[in-house]
């Protein structure tokens, strides 16, 4: 039985709000580029180009989860961590934990909408790259 990966976007991303900005490029899975939302409510979208080294690392990470749905969820957690480090390099700013509403529209800062959108974008990349064996990505609810 296949489990749903939508829960991962919720549990790993931090919220399930549907932003008015969930349109265009950020909703299209790519195997070469992921758009990263930041600035609260996806005010900014920065393209993170996936290198061959990144692709190889995602494959390695996800191979660790090949044994079961539970181990795949653990691998997804590691993939999200790697993704956050890589896109922080791309944006040039690391999101400060527990950022407040006063940081709205600050490049690099993220609210739950940005976080859940970014996690879902990564899940779509993993799915498009055939790196998910036990989970299927669905819309945030």
C-alpha atoms as a PDB file:
ATOM      1  CA  UNK A   1       0.000   0.000   0.000  1.00  0.00           C
ATOM      2  CA  UNK A   2       1.308   3.407  -0.944  1.00  0.00           C
ATOM      3  CA  UNK A   3       1.267   6.097   1.712  1.00  0.00           C
ATOM      4  CA  UNK A   4       0.703   9.733   0.962  1.00  0.00           C
ATOM      5  CA  UNK A   5       3.580  12.175   1.120  1.00  0.00           C
ATOM      6  CA  UNK A   6       1.280  15.125   1.602  1.00  0.00           C
ATOM      7  CA  UNK A   7       1.701  14.581   5.331  1.00  0.00           C
ATOM      8  CA  UNK A   8       5.422  15.276   4.892  1.00  0.00           C
ATOM      9  CA  UNK A   9       4.727  18.743   3.564  1.00  0.00           C
ATOM     10  CA  UNK A  10       2.603  19.331   6.634  1.00  0.00           C
ATOM     11  CA  UNK A  11       4.825  17.757   9.264  1.00  0.00           C
ATOM     12  CA  UNK A  12       8.113  18.876   7.779  1.00  0.00           C
ATOM     13  CA  UNK A  13       6.986  22.218   6.427  1.00  0.00           C
ATOM     14  CA  UNK A  14       5.053  23.552   9.379  1.00  0.00           C
ATOM     15  CA  UNK A  15       1.573  24.473   8.041  1.00  0.00           C
ATOM     16  CA  UNK A  16      -1.032  23.682   5.492  1.00  0.00           C
ATOM     17  CA  UNK A  17      -2.276  27.106   4.430  1.00  0.00           C
ATOM     18  CA  UNK A  18      -2.915  27.562   0.763  1.00  0.00           C
ATOM     19  CA  UNK A  19      -1.252  30.740  -0.387  1.00  0.00           C
ATOM     20  CA  UNK A  20      -2.570  32.969  -3.106  1.00  0.00           C
ATOM     21  CA  UNK A  21       0.921  32.638  -4.553  1.00  0.00           C
ATOM     22  CA  UNK A  22       0.703  28.871  -5.245  1.00  0.00           C
ATOM     23  CA  UNK A  23       0.731  29.470  -8.989  1.00  0.00           C
ATOM     24  CA  UNK A  24       3.047  29.490 -11.930  1.00  0.00           C
ATOM     25  CA  UNK A  25       6.560  28.105 -11.842  1.00  0.00           C
ATOM     26  CA  UNK A  26       6.562  27.075  -8.190  1.00  0.00           C
ATOM     27  CA  UNK A  27       3.833  24.493  -8.803  1.00  0.00           C
ATOM     28  CA  UNK A  28       5.549  22.765 -11.733  1.00  0.00           C
ATOM     29  CA  UNK A  29       7.880  19.891 -10.870  1.00  0.00           C
ATOM     30  CA  UNK A  30      11.297  20.071 -12.469  1.00  0.00           C
ATOM     31  CA  UNK A  31      14.273  17.789 -12.333  1.00  0.00           C
ATOM     32  CA  UNK A  32      16.690  20.663 -12.985  1.00  0.00           C
ATOM     33  CA  UNK A  33      15.311  23.580 -10.945  1.00  0.00           C
ATOM     34  CA  UNK A  34      13.201  24.149  -7.849  1.00  0.00           C
ATOM     35  CA  UNK A  35      11.746  27.536  -6.998  1.00  0.00           C
ATOM     36  CA  UNK A  36      12.233  28.472  -3.357  1.00  0.00           C
ATOM     37  CA  UNK A  37       9.689  30.731  -1.660  1.00  0.00           C
ATOM     38  CA  UNK A  38      10.774  33.205   0.991  1.00  0.00           C
ATOM     39  CA  UNK A  39       9.860  36.600   2.414  1.00  0.00           C
ATOM     40  CA  UNK A  40       6.566  35.347   3.931  1.00  0.00           C
ATOM     41  CA  UNK A  41       3.580  34.243   1.823  1.00  0.00           C
ATOM     42  CA  UNK A  42       5.974  33.371  -0.991  1.00  0.00           C
ATOM     43  CA  UNK A  43       6.716  37.045  -1.645  1.00  0.00           C
ATOM     44  CA  UNK A  44       9.991  36.106  -3.347  1.00  0.00           C
ATOM     45  CA  UNK A  45      10.748  33.119  -5.539  1.00  0.00           C
ATOM     46  CA  UNK A  46      14.376  32.211  -6.135  1.00  0.00           C
ATOM     47  CA  UNK A  47      15.399  29.474  -8.543  1.00  0.00           C
ATOM     48  CA  UNK A  48      17.645  26.786  -7.046  1.00  0.00           C
ATOM     49  CA  UNK A  49      19.391  24.997  -9.899  1.00  0.00           C
ATOM     50  CA  UNK A  50      19.903  21.311  -9.157  1.00  0.00           C
ATOM     51  CA  UNK A  51      23.439  20.276 -10.026  1.00  0.00           C
ATOM     52  CA  UNK A  52      24.607  16.786 -10.943  1.00  0.00           C
ATOM     53  CA  UNK A  53      26.219  16.627  -7.494  1.00  0.00           C
ATOM     54  CA  UNK A  54      22.913  17.582  -5.858  1.00  0.00           C
ATOM     55  CA  UNK A  55      21.050  14.971  -7.886  1.00  0.00           C
ATOM     56  CA  UNK A  56      23.586  12.346  -6.850  1.00  0.00           C
ATOM     57  CA  UNK A  57      23.272  13.342  -3.187  1.00  0.00           C
ATOM     58  CA  UNK A  58      19.449  13.204  -3.299  1.00  0.00           C
ATOM     59  CA  UNK A  59      19.708   9.724  -4.851  1.00  0.00           C
ATOM     60  CA  UNK A  60      22.078   8.616  -2.079  1.00  0.00           C
ATOM     61  CA  UNK A  61      19.844  10.035   0.629  1.00  0.00           C
ATOM     62  CA  UNK A  62      16.715   8.425  -0.772  1.00  0.00           C
ATOM     63  CA  UNK A  63      18.464   5.067  -1.310  1.00  0.00           C
ATOM     64  CA  UNK A  64      18.828   4.946   2.478  1.00  0.00           C
ATOM     65  CA  UNK A  65      15.028   4.844   2.657  1.00  0.00           C
ATOM     66  CA  UNK A  66      14.460   2.016   0.208  1.00  0.00           C
ATOM     67  CA  UNK A  67      13.496  -0.573   2.833  1.00  0.00           C
ATOM     68  CA  UNK A  68      10.082   0.598   4.020  1.00  0.00           C
ATOM     69  CA  UNK A  69       7.665   3.521   4.096  1.00  0.00           C
ATOM     70  CA  UNK A  70       9.021   4.478   7.531  1.00  0.00           C
ATOM     71  CA  UNK A  71      12.638   4.481   6.346  1.00  0.00           C
ATOM     72  CA  UNK A  72      11.616   6.488   3.268  1.00  0.00           C
ATOM     73  CA  UNK A  73      10.019   9.121   5.528  1.00  0.00           C
ATOM     74  CA  UNK A  74      13.288   9.310   7.460  1.00  0.00           C
ATOM     75  CA  UNK A  75      15.191   9.723   4.176  1.00  0.00           C
ATOM     76  CA  UNK A  76      12.771  12.488   3.182  1.00  0.00           C
ATOM     77  CA  UNK A  77      13.655  14.314   6.419  1.00  0.00           C
ATOM     78  CA  UNK A  78      17.351  14.097   5.469  1.00  0.00           C
ATOM     79  CA  UNK A  79      16.587  15.265   1.917  1.00  0.00           C
ATOM     80  CA  UNK A  80      14.703  18.283   3.294  1.00  0.00           C
ATOM     81  CA  UNK A  81      17.661  19.167   5.516  1.00  0.00           C
ATOM     82  CA  UNK A  82      20.062  18.930   2.563  1.00  0.00           C
ATOM     83  CA  UNK A  83      17.640  20.989   0.452  1.00  0.00           C
ATOM     84  CA  UNK A  84      17.429  23.724   3.097  1.00  0.00           C
ATOM     85  CA  UNK A  85      21.220  23.996   3.251  1.00  0.00           C
ATOM     86  CA  UNK A  86      21.516  24.165  -0.546  1.00  0.00           C
ATOM     87  CA  UNK A  87      18.818  26.760  -1.118  1.00  0.00           C
ATOM     88  CA  UNK A  88      20.197  28.891   1.716  1.00  0.00           C
ATOM     89  CA  UNK A  89      23.429  29.007  -0.303  1.00  0.00           C
ATOM     90  CA  UNK A  90      21.418  30.027  -3.386  1.00  0.00           C
ATOM     91  CA  UNK A  91      19.420  32.755  -1.638  1.00  0.00           C
ATOM     92  CA  UNK A  92      22.497  33.895   0.248  1.00  0.00           C
ATOM     93  CA  UNK A  93      20.618  34.135   3.544  1.00  0.00           C
ATOM     94  CA  UNK A  94      19.775  31.510   6.148  1.00  0.00           C
ATOM     95  CA  UNK A  95      16.239  31.701   7.543  1.00  0.00           C
ATOM     96  CA  UNK A  96      16.260  32.650  11.234  1.00  0.00           C
ATOM     97  CA  UNK A  97      14.301  30.143  13.289  1.00  0.00           C
ATOM     98  CA  UNK A  98      11.020  31.381  14.754  1.00  0.00           C
ATOM     99  CA  UNK A  99      11.038  34.540  12.674  1.00  0.00           C
ATOM    100  CA  UNK A 100       8.201  36.910  13.504  1.00  0.00           C
ATOM    101  CA  UNK A 101       5.671  38.770  11.418  1.00  0.00           C
ATOM    102  CA  UNK A 102       7.877  41.857  11.651  1.00  0.00           C
ATOM    103  CA  UNK A 103      10.226  40.057   9.251  1.00  0.00           C
ATOM    104  CA  UNK A 104       7.610  39.916   6.482  1.00  0.00           C
ATOM    105  CA  UNK A 105       9.021  40.728   3.061  1.00  0.00           C
ATOM    106  CA  UNK A 106      12.605  40.178   4.265  1.00  0.00           C
ATOM    107  CA  UNK A 107      14.478  38.112   1.736  1.00  0.00           C
ATOM    108  CA  UNK A 108      15.411  34.741   3.135  1.00  0.00           C
ATOM    109  CA  UNK A 109      12.918  34.782   6.018  1.00  0.00           C
ATOM    110  CA  UNK A 110      10.163  32.181   5.813  1.00  0.00           C
ATOM    111  CA  UNK A 111       6.743  31.651   7.289  1.00  0.00           C
ATOM    112  CA  UNK A 112       4.784  28.402   7.279  1.00  0.00           C
ATOM    113  CA  UNK A 113       3.485  29.077   3.766  1.00  0.00           C
ATOM    114  CA  UNK A 114       7.023  29.403   2.403  1.00  0.00           C
ATOM    115  CA  UNK A 115       8.180  26.337   4.346  1.00  0.00           C
ATOM    116  CA  UNK A 116       5.309  24.099   3.252  1.00  0.00           C
ATOM    117  CA  UNK A 117       5.563  25.281  -0.367  1.00  0.00           C
ATOM    118  CA  UNK A 118       9.301  24.580  -0.417  1.00  0.00           C
ATOM    119  CA  UNK A 119       8.881  21.144   1.146  1.00  0.00           C
ATOM    120  CA  UNK A 120       6.193  20.264  -1.385  1.00  0.00           C
ATOM    121  CA  UNK A 121       8.429  21.491  -4.230  1.00  0.00           C
ATOM    122  CA  UNK A 122      11.208  19.192  -3.042  1.00  0.00           C
ATOM    123  CA  UNK A 123       8.759  16.286  -2.765  1.00  0.00           C
ATOM    124  CA  UNK A 124       7.630  16.933  -6.352  1.00  0.00           C
ATOM    125  CA  UNK A 125      11.274  16.908  -7.463  1.00  0.00           C
ATOM    126  CA  UNK A 126      11.868  13.598  -5.653  1.00  0.00           C
ATOM    127  CA  UNK A 127       8.720  12.139  -7.212  1.00  0.00           C
ATOM    128  CA  UNK A 128       9.606  13.378 -10.727  1.00  0.00           C
ATOM    129  CA  UNK A 129      13.073  11.889 -10.276  1.00  0.00           C
ATOM    130  CA  UNK A 130      11.540   8.512  -9.346  1.00  0.00           C
ATOM    131  CA  UNK A 131      13.114   8.676  -5.891  1.00  0.00           C
ATOM    132  CA  UNK A 132       9.910   8.003  -3.954  1.00  0.00           C
ATOM    133  CA  UNK A 133       8.925   4.346  -3.756  1.00  0.00           C
ATOM    134  CA  UNK A 134       6.261   4.389  -1.025  1.00  0.00           C
ATOM    135  CA  UNK A 135       4.786   7.875  -1.149  1.00  0.00           C
ATOM    136  CA  UNK A 136       2.792  10.003  -3.585  1.00  0.00           C
ATOM    137  CA  UNK A 137       2.765  13.799  -3.464  1.00  0.00           C
ATOM    138  CA  UNK A 138      -0.589  15.527  -3.228  1.00  0.00           C
ATOM    139  CA  UNK A 139      -1.741  19.118  -2.703  1.00  0.00           C
ATOM    140  CA  UNK A 140      -1.477  20.740   0.687  1.00  0.00           C
ATOM    141  CA  UNK A 141      -4.873  20.637   2.346  1.00  0.00           C
END
